[in-house]
Amino acid sequence: MRKLALLTFITLDGVMQAPKLPEEDTSNGFKLGGWADKYWDEVMEQVKSEAMSEPYDLLLGRKTYDIFASAHKSNMNGNSDESPMDKATKYVVTNSDNKLEWKNSIAITGNVAEEISKLKSQDGLLLQVHGSWDLIQTLLLNDLVDEFRIWTFPVVLGKGKRLFSKDFVPKNLTLVKSESTSNGVVMSIYKCE
């Protein structure tokens, strides 16, 4: 069976909406996007070494997929400079009929929780979920998460989409690793019990 890990950037008050770009997710009138930008470079170095150094596959919501795909356009058809994201199989939860252009992309439709349960029951690489708030809520409500890899930024926003919604089912976690960057972002890796 393969494991599923969430890789999430959150504020101190739990907001995960639009960490990198102001226009990334403006739903519900959110105007505070880009809150992680000043910390980004140092955090991404840690993310690469701690969470993305071994082969993995991606599980993404369609909006996050489109954002990532546009950032990787130069490698859409593959080349010798492929990043681990380019090489990964990308499972994309989507209702759109628009073609998935990024190499190694597979659409997931229908009963998402059931399809992801089937995917997890197969042999394969770790499934990493990046961003994808709607998808994460589905995963949490259906107890499909095996590991949380959370980067907490020294920022408080007071509003926005939070990682854990009011419908979250309580669960115990075991801290596997924690360390901080010099600019105050704390990485915490938890396994679900």
N, C-alpha and C. Protein backbone atom coordinates (compact mmCIF):
# COMPACT_ATOMS: atom_id res chain seq x y z
N MET A 1 0.83 -1.19 0.00
CA MET A 1 0.00 0.00 0.00
C MET A 1 0.87 1.25 0.00
N ARG A 2 0.40 2.25 -0.71
CA ARG A 2 1.16 3.49 -0.72
C ARG A 2 0.59 4.45 0.32
N LYS A 3 1.45 5.33 0.82
CA LYS A 3 1.08 6.31 1.83
C LYS A 3 0.75 7.64 1.16
N LEU A 4 -0.01 8.47 1.89
CA LEU A 4 -0.39 9.79 1.39
C LEU A 4 0.04 10.84 2.41
N ALA A 5 0.80 11.83 1.95
CA ALA A 5 1.29 12.90 2.82
C ALA A 5 0.83 14.25 2.30
N LEU A 6 0.36 15.10 3.22
CA LEU A 6 0.02 16.48 2.88
C LEU A 6 1.26 17.34 3.10
N LEU A 7 1.61 18.16 2.12
CA LEU A 7 2.65 19.17 2.27
C LEU A 7 1.95 20.51 2.23
N THR A 8 1.94 21.20 3.35
CA THR A 8 1.11 22.38 3.47
C THR A 8 1.86 23.52 4.13
N PHE A 9 1.67 24.71 3.60
CA PHE A 9 2.17 25.94 4.20
C PHE A 9 1.00 26.61 4.89
N ILE A 10 1.16 26.93 6.18
CA ILE A 10 0.09 27.60 6.90
C ILE A 10 0.63 28.78 7.70
N THR A 11 -0.27 29.70 8.01
CA THR A 11 0.06 30.80 8.92
C THR A 11 -0.05 30.27 10.34
N LEU A 12 0.38 31.06 11.29
CA LEU A 12 0.28 30.68 12.69
C LEU A 12 -1.16 30.43 13.11
N ASP A 13 -2.11 31.11 12.46
CA ASP A 13 -3.53 30.89 12.78
C ASP A 13 -4.19 29.89 11.83
N GLY A 14 -3.38 29.10 11.11
CA GLY A 14 -3.89 27.96 10.36
C GLY A 14 -4.37 28.21 8.95
N VAL A 15 -4.18 29.42 8.41
CA VAL A 15 -4.63 29.73 7.05
C VAL A 15 -3.63 29.16 6.05
N MET A 16 -4.16 28.47 5.01
CA MET A 16 -3.29 27.92 3.98
C MET A 16 -3.57 28.53 2.60
N GLN A 17 -4.50 29.45 2.52
CA GLN A 17 -4.95 30.01 1.24
C GLN A 17 -3.90 30.94 0.63
N ALA A 18 -3.56 30.67 -0.63
CA ALA A 18 -2.73 31.54 -1.46
C ALA A 18 -1.42 31.97 -0.81
N PRO A 19 -0.54 31.04 -0.45
CA PRO A 19 0.70 31.44 0.20
C PRO A 19 1.69 32.19 -0.70
N LYS A 20 1.74 31.86 -1.97
CA LYS A 20 2.80 32.41 -2.82
C LYS A 20 2.40 33.65 -3.61
N LEU A 21 1.22 33.63 -4.22
CA LEU A 21 0.86 34.70 -5.14
C LEU A 21 -0.46 35.37 -4.74
N PRO A 22 -0.55 36.68 -4.89
CA PRO A 22 -1.80 37.38 -4.55
C PRO A 22 -3.01 36.85 -5.32
N GLU A 23 -2.82 36.45 -6.57
CA GLU A 23 -3.94 35.98 -7.40
C GLU A 23 -4.15 34.47 -7.35
N GLU A 24 -3.39 33.78 -6.55
CA GLU A 24 -3.42 32.31 -6.48
C GLU A 24 -4.82 31.78 -6.12
N ASP A 25 -5.45 32.36 -5.13
CA ASP A 25 -6.80 31.94 -4.73
C ASP A 25 -7.48 33.13 -4.05
N THR A 26 -8.32 33.79 -4.80
CA THR A 26 -9.03 34.96 -4.28
C THR A 26 -10.48 34.64 -3.88
N SER A 27 -10.80 33.35 -3.81
CA SER A 27 -12.17 32.97 -3.47
C SER A 27 -12.57 33.56 -2.11
N ASN A 28 -13.85 33.80 -1.97
CA ASN A 28 -14.42 34.41 -0.76
C ASN A 28 -13.83 35.79 -0.47
N GLY A 29 -13.40 36.49 -1.53
CA GLY A 29 -12.87 37.85 -1.38
C GLY A 29 -11.52 37.93 -0.70
N PHE A 30 -10.76 36.82 -0.71
CA PHE A 30 -9.45 36.80 -0.04
C PHE A 30 -8.46 37.71 -0.77
N LYS A 31 -7.91 38.68 -0.06
CA LYS A 31 -6.99 39.66 -0.65
C LYS A 31 -5.62 39.65 0.01
N LEU A 32 -5.31 38.59 0.73
CA LEU A 32 -4.05 38.53 1.47
C LEU A 32 -3.07 37.52 0.88
N GLY A 33 -3.31 37.11 -0.36
CA GLY A 33 -2.43 36.14 -1.01
C GLY A 33 -1.00 36.64 -1.13
N GLY A 34 -0.07 35.71 -1.10
CA GLY A 34 1.35 36.04 -1.19
C GLY A 34 2.00 36.24 0.18
N TRP A 35 1.32 35.85 1.24
CA TRP A 35 1.80 36.08 2.60
C TRP A 35 3.10 35.33 2.92
N ALA A 36 3.43 34.28 2.18
CA ALA A 36 4.65 33.51 2.46
C ALA A 36 5.83 33.95 1.59
N ASP A 37 5.62 34.86 0.68
CA ASP A 37 6.62 35.18 -0.34
C ASP A 37 7.97 35.60 0.25
N LYS A 38 7.99 36.42 1.27
CA LYS A 38 9.28 36.90 1.79
C LYS A 38 10.10 35.79 2.47
N TYR A 39 9.46 34.67 2.78
CA TYR A 39 10.13 33.53 3.40
C TYR A 39 10.46 32.42 2.40
N TRP A 40 9.98 32.57 1.18
CA TRP A 40 9.87 31.48 0.21
C TRP A 40 11.17 30.75 -0.09
N ASP A 41 12.21 31.47 -0.46
CA ASP A 41 13.44 30.81 -0.94
C ASP A 41 14.04 29.87 0.10
N GLU A 42 14.15 30.35 1.33
CA GLU A 42 14.75 29.51 2.37
C GLU A 42 13.86 28.30 2.68
N VAL A 43 12.57 28.51 2.72
CA VAL A 43 11.65 27.42 3.00
C VAL A 43 11.69 26.38 1.88
N MET A 44 11.72 26.82 0.64
CA MET A 44 11.74 25.86 -0.47
C MET A 44 13.00 25.01 -0.47
N GLU A 45 14.12 25.56 -0.02
CA GLU A 45 15.33 24.73 0.11
C GLU A 45 15.09 23.62 1.12
N GLN A 46 14.44 23.95 2.23
CA GLN A 46 14.14 22.94 3.24
C GLN A 46 13.12 21.93 2.71
N VAL A 47 12.11 22.40 2.01
CA VAL A 47 11.10 21.50 1.44
C VAL A 47 11.76 20.50 0.50
N LYS A 48 12.64 21.00 -0.36
CA LYS A 48 13.33 20.11 -1.31
C LYS A 48 14.14 19.04 -0.59
N SER A 49 14.86 19.42 0.45
CA SER A 49 15.73 18.45 1.13
C SER A 49 14.96 17.53 2.07
N GLU A 50 13.90 18.02 2.69
CA GLU A 50 13.17 17.22 3.68
C GLU A 50 12.00 16.43 3.11
N ALA A 51 11.38 16.93 2.05
CA ALA A 51 10.14 16.30 1.62
C ALA A 51 10.12 15.88 0.16
N MET A 52 11.09 16.34 -0.62
CA MET A 52 11.00 16.06 -2.05
C MET A 52 12.29 15.47 -2.61
N SER A 53 13.13 14.96 -1.74
CA SER A 53 14.43 14.44 -2.20
C SER A 53 14.33 13.00 -2.72
N GLU A 54 13.29 12.28 -2.33
CA GLU A 54 13.10 10.91 -2.82
C GLU A 54 11.94 10.90 -3.79
N PRO A 55 11.91 9.95 -4.74
CA PRO A 55 10.82 9.91 -5.73
C PRO A 55 9.44 9.86 -5.07
N TYR A 56 8.48 10.50 -5.70
CA TYR A 56 7.11 10.56 -5.20
C TYR A 56 6.18 10.78 -6.37
N ASP A 57 4.90 10.57 -6.14
CA ASP A 57 3.85 10.95 -7.08
C ASP A 57 3.05 12.07 -6.44
N LEU A 58 2.32 12.80 -7.26
CA LEU A 58 1.53 13.93 -6.78
C LEU A 58 0.05 13.63 -6.89
N LEU A 59 -0.70 14.10 -5.93
CA LEU A 59 -2.16 14.10 -5.95
C LEU A 59 -2.57 15.55 -5.78
N LEU A 60 -3.21 16.11 -6.80
CA LEU A 60 -3.50 17.54 -6.81
C LEU A 60 -4.95 17.82 -7.19
N GLY A 61 -5.47 18.91 -6.65
CA GLY A 61 -6.72 19.45 -7.16
C GLY A 61 -6.42 20.15 -8.48
N ARG A 62 -7.45 20.36 -9.29
CA ARG A 62 -7.24 20.91 -10.64
C ARG A 62 -6.62 22.30 -10.62
N LYS A 63 -7.06 23.17 -9.72
CA LYS A 63 -6.52 24.54 -9.69
C LYS A 63 -5.02 24.53 -9.36
N THR A 64 -4.64 23.74 -8.37
CA THR A 64 -3.22 23.64 -8.01
C THR A 64 -2.43 23.03 -9.17
N TYR A 65 -2.99 22.01 -9.79
CA TYR A 65 -2.35 21.40 -10.96
C TYR A 65 -2.08 22.45 -12.04
N ASP A 66 -3.08 23.25 -12.35
CA ASP A 66 -2.91 24.27 -13.40
C ASP A 66 -1.83 25.29 -13.03
N ILE A 67 -1.76 25.68 -11.76
CA ILE A 67 -0.72 26.61 -11.31
C ILE A 67 0.66 25.98 -11.47
N PHE A 68 0.80 24.74 -10.99
CA PHE A 68 2.09 24.05 -11.09
C PHE A 68 2.47 23.79 -12.54
N ALA A 69 1.51 23.36 -13.35
CA ALA A 69 1.79 23.06 -14.75
C ALA A 69 2.28 24.29 -15.49
N SER A 70 1.69 25.44 -15.21
CA SER A 70 2.13 26.66 -15.90
C SER A 70 3.56 27.03 -15.49
N ALA A 71 3.94 26.71 -14.27
CA ALA A 71 5.31 26.98 -13.81
C ALA A 71 6.32 26.01 -14.41
N HIS A 72 5.85 24.88 -14.92
CA HIS A 72 6.73 23.85 -15.48
C HIS A 72 6.56 23.70 -16.99
N LYS A 73 6.06 24.73 -17.65
CA LYS A 73 5.80 24.64 -19.10
C LYS A 73 7.00 24.21 -19.92
N SER A 74 8.17 24.66 -19.54
CA SER A 74 9.36 24.33 -20.34
C SER A 74 9.65 22.84 -20.33
N ASN A 75 9.10 22.11 -19.37
CA ASN A 75 9.34 20.68 -19.28
C ASN A 75 8.09 19.86 -19.59
N MET A 76 7.10 20.44 -20.24
CA MET A 76 5.85 19.73 -20.50
C MET A 76 6.05 18.42 -21.25
N ASN A 77 6.99 18.38 -22.17
CA ASN A 77 7.20 17.17 -22.96
C ASN A 77 8.41 16.38 -22.52
N GLY A 78 9.02 16.83 -21.44
CA GLY A 78 10.17 16.12 -20.89
C GLY A 78 11.47 16.56 -21.53
N ASN A 79 12.48 16.68 -20.71
CA ASN A 79 13.84 16.94 -21.19
C ASN A 79 14.82 16.52 -20.11
N SER A 80 16.08 16.69 -20.36
CA SER A 80 17.09 16.20 -19.43
C SER A 80 17.13 16.99 -18.12
N ASP A 81 16.50 18.16 -18.08
CA ASP A 81 16.51 18.98 -16.87
C ASP A 81 15.23 18.83 -16.05
N GLU A 82 14.54 17.71 -16.20
CA GLU A 82 13.28 17.53 -15.50
C GLU A 82 13.46 17.60 -13.98
N SER A 83 12.52 18.26 -13.33
CA SER A 83 12.49 18.30 -11.87
C SER A 83 11.77 17.05 -11.38
N PRO A 84 11.87 16.76 -10.07
CA PRO A 84 11.10 15.63 -9.54
C PRO A 84 9.60 15.77 -9.81
N MET A 85 9.08 17.00 -9.80
CA MET A 85 7.66 17.20 -10.11
C MET A 85 7.34 16.83 -11.55
N ASP A 86 8.24 17.15 -12.45
CA ASP A 86 8.04 16.79 -13.85
C ASP A 86 8.01 15.28 -14.02
N LYS A 87 8.90 14.58 -13.31
CA LYS A 87 9.01 13.13 -13.43
C LYS A 87 7.86 12.40 -12.74
N ALA A 88 7.29 13.00 -11.71
CA ALA A 88 6.24 12.35 -10.93
C ALA A 88 4.99 12.09 -11.76
N THR A 89 4.29 11.02 -11.43
CA THR A 89 2.94 10.84 -11.95
C THR A 89 2.05 11.81 -11.18
N LYS A 90 1.23 12.54 -11.92
CA LYS A 90 0.36 13.54 -11.31
C LYS A 90 -1.09 13.07 -11.43
N TYR A 91 -1.68 12.72 -10.30
CA TYR A 91 -3.09 12.33 -10.25
C TYR A 91 -3.87 13.61 -9.95
N VAL A 92 -4.80 13.95 -10.82
CA VAL A 92 -5.47 15.25 -10.74
C VAL A 92 -6.96 15.06 -10.55
N VAL A 93 -7.47 15.54 -9.42
CA VAL A 93 -8.90 15.50 -9.16
C VAL A 93 -9.52 16.66 -9.93
N THR A 94 -10.40 16.33 -10.87
CA THR A 94 -10.93 17.36 -11.76
C THR A 94 -12.34 17.04 -12.22
N ASN A 95 -13.09 18.10 -12.47
CA ASN A 95 -14.40 18.00 -13.12
C ASN A 95 -14.32 18.60 -14.51
N SER A 96 -13.18 19.11 -14.87
CA SER A 96 -13.00 19.81 -16.14
C SER A 96 -12.74 18.82 -17.28
N ASP A 97 -13.22 19.18 -18.45
CA ASP A 97 -12.94 18.39 -19.64
C ASP A 97 -11.63 18.83 -20.31
N ASN A 98 -11.03 19.91 -19.79
CA ASN A 98 -9.79 20.41 -20.38
C ASN A 98 -8.69 19.36 -20.22
N LYS A 99 -7.93 19.18 -21.28
CA LYS A 99 -6.88 18.17 -21.31
C LYS A 99 -5.80 18.50 -20.27
N LEU A 100 -5.23 17.46 -19.68
CA LEU A 100 -4.10 17.60 -18.76
C LEU A 100 -2.83 17.56 -19.60
N GLU A 101 -2.20 18.69 -19.76
CA GLU A 101 -1.06 18.83 -20.69
C GLU A 101 0.27 18.36 -20.11
N TRP A 102 0.44 18.45 -18.82
CA TRP A 102 1.72 18.14 -18.19
C TRP A 102 1.97 16.64 -18.27
N LYS A 103 3.16 16.26 -18.66
CA LYS A 103 3.56 14.86 -18.79
C LYS A 103 3.20 14.05 -17.54
N ASN A 104 2.77 12.80 -17.74
CA ASN A 104 2.47 11.85 -16.67
C ASN A 104 1.28 12.29 -15.81
N SER A 105 0.27 12.90 -16.42
CA SER A 105 -0.90 13.36 -15.67
C SER A 105 -2.10 12.46 -15.94
N ILE A 106 -2.79 12.10 -14.86
CA ILE A 106 -3.94 11.20 -14.93
C ILE A 106 -5.10 11.84 -14.18
N ALA A 107 -6.25 11.94 -14.82
CA ALA A 107 -7.43 12.54 -14.20
C ALA A 107 -8.10 11.56 -13.24
N ILE A 108 -8.58 12.09 -12.13
CA ILE A 108 -9.42 11.35 -11.19
C ILE A 108 -10.76 12.06 -11.17
N THR A 109 -11.81 11.32 -11.47
CA THR A 109 -13.16 11.87 -11.49
C THR A 109 -14.10 10.94 -10.72
N GLY A 110 -15.35 11.34 -10.60
CA GLY A 110 -16.32 10.49 -9.93
C GLY A 110 -16.23 10.61 -8.42
N ASN A 111 -16.34 9.47 -7.73
CA ASN A 111 -16.27 9.44 -6.28
C ASN A 111 -14.80 9.56 -5.87
N VAL A 112 -14.40 10.76 -5.54
CA VAL A 112 -12.99 11.06 -5.29
C VAL A 112 -12.43 10.22 -4.14
N ALA A 113 -13.12 10.15 -3.02
CA ALA A 113 -12.63 9.39 -1.87
C ALA A 113 -12.43 7.92 -2.24
N GLU A 114 -13.37 7.36 -2.97
CA GLU A 114 -13.28 5.96 -3.38
C GLU A 114 -12.11 5.75 -4.34
N GLU A 115 -11.94 6.64 -5.29
CA GLU A 115 -10.85 6.52 -6.26
C GLU A 115 -9.49 6.66 -5.59
N ILE A 116 -9.38 7.55 -4.61
CA ILE A 116 -8.11 7.73 -3.91
C ILE A 116 -7.83 6.54 -3.00
N SER A 117 -8.86 5.98 -2.39
CA SER A 117 -8.68 4.75 -1.60
C SER A 117 -8.12 3.63 -2.47
N LYS A 118 -8.65 3.49 -3.68
CA LYS A 118 -8.13 2.49 -4.61
C LYS A 118 -6.68 2.77 -4.96
N LEU A 119 -6.38 4.03 -5.21
CA LEU A 119 -5.01 4.43 -5.56
C LEU A 119 -4.05 4.11 -4.41
N LYS A 120 -4.48 4.39 -3.19
CA LYS A 120 -3.64 4.10 -2.02
C LYS A 120 -3.44 2.61 -1.82
N SER A 121 -4.39 1.78 -2.24
CA SER A 121 -4.28 0.34 -2.02
C SER A 121 -3.29 -0.32 -2.97
N GLN A 122 -2.86 0.41 -3.99
CA GLN A 122 -1.90 -0.11 -4.96
C GLN A 122 -0.47 0.05 -4.44
N ASP A 123 0.43 -0.69 -5.05
CA ASP A 123 1.84 -0.47 -4.79
C ASP A 123 2.25 0.78 -5.54
N GLY A 124 3.19 1.52 -4.98
CA GLY A 124 3.67 2.71 -5.67
C GLY A 124 4.37 3.65 -4.72
N LEU A 125 4.77 4.77 -5.28
CA LEU A 125 5.49 5.79 -4.52
C LEU A 125 4.56 6.54 -3.57
N LEU A 126 5.15 7.24 -2.63
CA LEU A 126 4.41 8.12 -1.73
C LEU A 126 3.59 9.10 -2.56
N LEU A 127 2.34 9.31 -2.19
CA LEU A 127 1.50 10.33 -2.81
C LEU A 127 1.62 11.61 -2.00
N GLN A 128 2.06 12.68 -2.63
CA GLN A 128 2.17 13.97 -1.95
C GLN A 128 1.07 14.89 -2.46
N VAL A 129 0.40 15.55 -1.53
CA VAL A 129 -0.62 16.55 -1.86
C VAL A 129 -0.03 17.91 -1.52
N HIS A 130 -0.02 18.80 -2.51
CA HIS A 130 0.46 20.17 -2.31
C HIS A 130 -0.73 21.09 -2.53
N GLY A 131 -0.87 22.11 -1.67
CA GLY A 131 -2.00 23.03 -1.85
C GLY A 131 -3.30 22.28 -1.86
N SER A 132 -4.19 22.61 -2.80
CA SER A 132 -5.40 21.82 -3.07
C SER A 132 -6.35 21.76 -1.87
N TRP A 133 -6.79 22.91 -1.39
CA TRP A 133 -7.62 22.99 -0.18
C TRP A 133 -8.86 22.12 -0.26
N ASP A 134 -9.63 22.20 -1.34
CA ASP A 134 -10.85 21.39 -1.45
C ASP A 134 -10.54 19.90 -1.37
N LEU A 135 -9.51 19.48 -2.08
CA LEU A 135 -9.10 18.09 -2.06
C LEU A 135 -8.69 17.67 -0.65
N ILE A 136 -7.93 18.50 0.02
CA ILE A 136 -7.48 18.18 1.39
C ILE A 136 -8.67 17.97 2.31
N GLN A 137 -9.69 18.80 2.18
CA GLN A 137 -10.86 18.63 3.04
C GLN A 137 -11.51 17.26 2.80
N THR A 138 -11.58 16.84 1.55
CA THR A 138 -12.13 15.52 1.23
C THR A 138 -11.26 14.41 1.84
N LEU A 139 -9.95 14.55 1.72
CA LEU A 139 -9.04 13.56 2.27
C LEU A 139 -9.17 13.46 3.78
N LEU A 140 -9.25 14.60 4.45
CA LEU A 140 -9.36 14.61 5.91
C LEU A 140 -10.68 14.00 6.36
N LEU A 141 -11.77 14.36 5.71
CA LEU A 141 -13.08 13.85 6.10
C LEU A 141 -13.23 12.35 5.87
N ASN A 142 -12.41 11.81 4.97
CA ASN A 142 -12.47 10.38 4.66
C ASN A 142 -11.28 9.61 5.23
N ASP A 143 -10.53 10.24 6.14
CA ASP A 143 -9.42 9.59 6.84
C ASP A 143 -8.43 8.93 5.88
N LEU A 144 -8.01 9.68 4.87
CA LEU A 144 -7.10 9.15 3.86
C LEU A 144 -5.67 9.68 3.99
N VAL A 145 -5.40 10.48 5.02
CA VAL A 145 -4.07 11.09 5.20
C VAL A 145 -3.25 10.24 6.17
N ASP A 146 -2.01 9.94 5.77
CA ASP A 146 -1.10 9.16 6.61
C ASP A 146 -0.05 10.03 7.28
N GLU A 147 0.23 11.18 6.70
CA GLU A 147 1.30 12.03 7.22
C GLU A 147 1.02 13.49 6.90
N PHE A 148 1.34 14.36 7.85
CA PHE A 148 1.25 15.80 7.66
C PHE A 148 2.66 16.37 7.65
N ARG A 149 2.99 17.11 6.62
CA ARG A 149 4.27 17.83 6.53
C ARG A 149 3.89 19.30 6.46
N ILE A 150 3.98 19.97 7.59
CA ILE A 150 3.44 21.32 7.71
C ILE A 150 4.56 22.32 7.97
N TRP A 151 4.53 23.39 7.19
CA TRP A 151 5.44 24.52 7.41
C TRP A 151 4.59 25.67 7.95
N THR A 152 4.87 26.08 9.20
CA THR A 152 4.11 27.14 9.85
C THR A 152 4.92 28.44 9.79
N PHE A 153 4.31 29.44 9.18
CA PHE A 153 4.98 30.72 8.95
C PHE A 153 4.62 31.71 10.06
N PRO A 154 5.56 32.58 10.44
CA PRO A 154 5.29 33.56 11.50
C PRO A 154 4.44 34.72 10.97
N VAL A 155 3.23 34.37 10.57
CA VAL A 155 2.29 35.31 9.98
C VAL A 155 0.91 35.00 10.57
N VAL A 156 0.14 36.02 10.90
CA VAL A 156 -1.24 35.85 11.35
C VAL A 156 -2.12 36.67 10.42
N LEU A 157 -3.13 36.04 9.82
CA LEU A 157 -4.00 36.72 8.86
C LEU A 157 -5.41 36.97 9.39
N GLY A 158 -5.90 36.10 10.25
CA GLY A 158 -7.23 36.29 10.81
C GLY A 158 -8.36 35.78 9.94
N LYS A 159 -8.11 35.57 8.66
CA LYS A 159 -9.16 35.04 7.78
C LYS A 159 -8.52 34.31 6.62
N GLY A 160 -9.32 33.48 5.99
CA GLY A 160 -8.85 32.67 4.87
C GLY A 160 -9.15 31.20 5.11
N LYS A 161 -8.92 30.40 4.10
CA LYS A 161 -9.17 28.96 4.19
C LYS A 161 -8.14 28.34 5.12
N ARG A 162 -8.65 27.63 6.12
CA ARG A 162 -7.78 26.99 7.10
C ARG A 162 -7.58 25.51 6.75
N LEU A 163 -6.42 25.00 7.11
CA LEU A 163 -6.12 23.59 6.85
C LEU A 163 -7.18 22.69 7.46
N PHE A 164 -7.50 22.91 8.71
CA PHE A 164 -8.48 22.07 9.39
C PHE A 164 -9.80 22.81 9.50
N SER A 165 -10.81 22.30 8.80
CA SER A 165 -12.12 22.92 8.82
C SER A 165 -12.88 22.49 10.07
N LYS A 166 -14.03 23.10 10.29
CA LYS A 166 -14.84 22.77 11.47
C LYS A 166 -15.34 21.33 11.43
N ASP A 167 -15.35 20.69 10.25
CA ASP A 167 -15.83 19.32 10.12
C ASP A 167 -14.74 18.27 10.32
N PHE A 168 -13.55 18.69 10.62
CA PHE A 168 -12.43 17.76 10.76
C PHE A 168 -12.68 16.77 11.89
N VAL A 169 -12.38 15.51 11.63
CA VAL A 169 -12.52 14.47 12.64
C VAL A 169 -11.24 14.43 13.47
N PRO A 170 -11.33 14.56 14.80
CA PRO A 170 -10.12 14.57 15.64
C PRO A 170 -9.28 13.32 15.44
N LYS A 171 -7.97 13.50 15.58
CA LYS A 171 -7.04 12.38 15.38
C LYS A 171 -5.76 12.68 16.14
N ASN A 172 -5.11 11.64 16.60
CA ASN A 172 -3.82 11.79 17.27
C ASN A 172 -2.70 11.65 16.26
N LEU A 173 -1.67 12.46 16.45
CA LEU A 173 -0.51 12.46 15.55
C LEU A 173 0.76 12.23 16.37
N THR A 174 1.77 11.69 15.72
CA THR A 174 3.08 11.52 16.34
C THR A 174 4.08 12.40 15.61
N LEU A 175 4.75 13.28 16.35
CA LEU A 175 5.76 14.14 15.75
C LEU A 175 6.98 13.31 15.38
N VAL A 176 7.37 13.38 14.10
CA VAL A 176 8.51 12.63 13.60
C VAL A 176 9.75 13.52 13.54
N LYS A 177 9.53 14.77 13.15
CA LYS A 177 10.66 15.68 13.00
C LYS A 177 10.16 17.11 13.06
N SER A 178 10.99 17.99 13.62
CA SER A 178 10.67 19.41 13.65
C SER A 178 11.96 20.19 13.62
N GLU A 179 11.97 21.24 12.82
CA GLU A 179 13.10 22.17 12.82
C GLU A 179 12.63 23.48 12.21
N SER A 180 13.40 24.52 12.43
CA SER A 180 12.99 25.82 11.91
C SER A 180 14.05 26.36 10.96
N THR A 181 13.61 27.29 10.12
CA THR A 181 14.53 28.00 9.25
C THR A 181 15.04 29.22 10.01
N SER A 182 16.07 29.85 9.50
CA SER A 182 16.61 31.03 10.18
C SER A 182 15.64 32.20 10.12
N ASN A 183 14.67 32.16 9.19
CA ASN A 183 13.71 33.26 9.11
C ASN A 183 12.41 32.96 9.86
N GLY A 184 12.41 31.93 10.72
CA GLY A 184 11.32 31.71 11.65
C GLY A 184 10.20 30.79 11.21
N VAL A 185 10.34 30.11 10.09
CA VAL A 185 9.32 29.16 9.65
C VAL A 185 9.63 27.81 10.29
N VAL A 186 8.60 27.18 10.86
CA VAL A 186 8.79 25.91 11.56
C VAL A 186 8.22 24.76 10.74
N MET A 187 9.08 23.79 10.45
CA MET A 187 8.67 22.57 9.77
C MET A 187 8.32 21.53 10.83
N SER A 188 7.15 20.91 10.69
CA SER A 188 6.75 19.83 11.59
C SER A 188 6.22 18.69 10.73
N ILE A 189 6.77 17.50 10.95
CA ILE A 189 6.33 16.32 10.22
C ILE A 189 5.68 15.37 11.22
N TYR A 190 4.42 15.03 10.95
CA TYR A 190 3.64 14.17 11.83
C TYR A 190 3.14 12.95 11.08
N LYS A 191 3.16 11.81 11.76
CA LYS A 191 2.52 10.61 11.22
C LYS A 191 1.20 10.41 11.96
N CYS A 192 0.19 9.94 11.25
CA CYS A 192 -1.10 9.66 11.87
C CYS A 192 -1.02 8.35 12.63
N GLU A 193 -1.64 8.31 13.78
CA GLU A 193 -1.66 7.09 14.60
C GLU A 193 -2.78 6.18 14.14
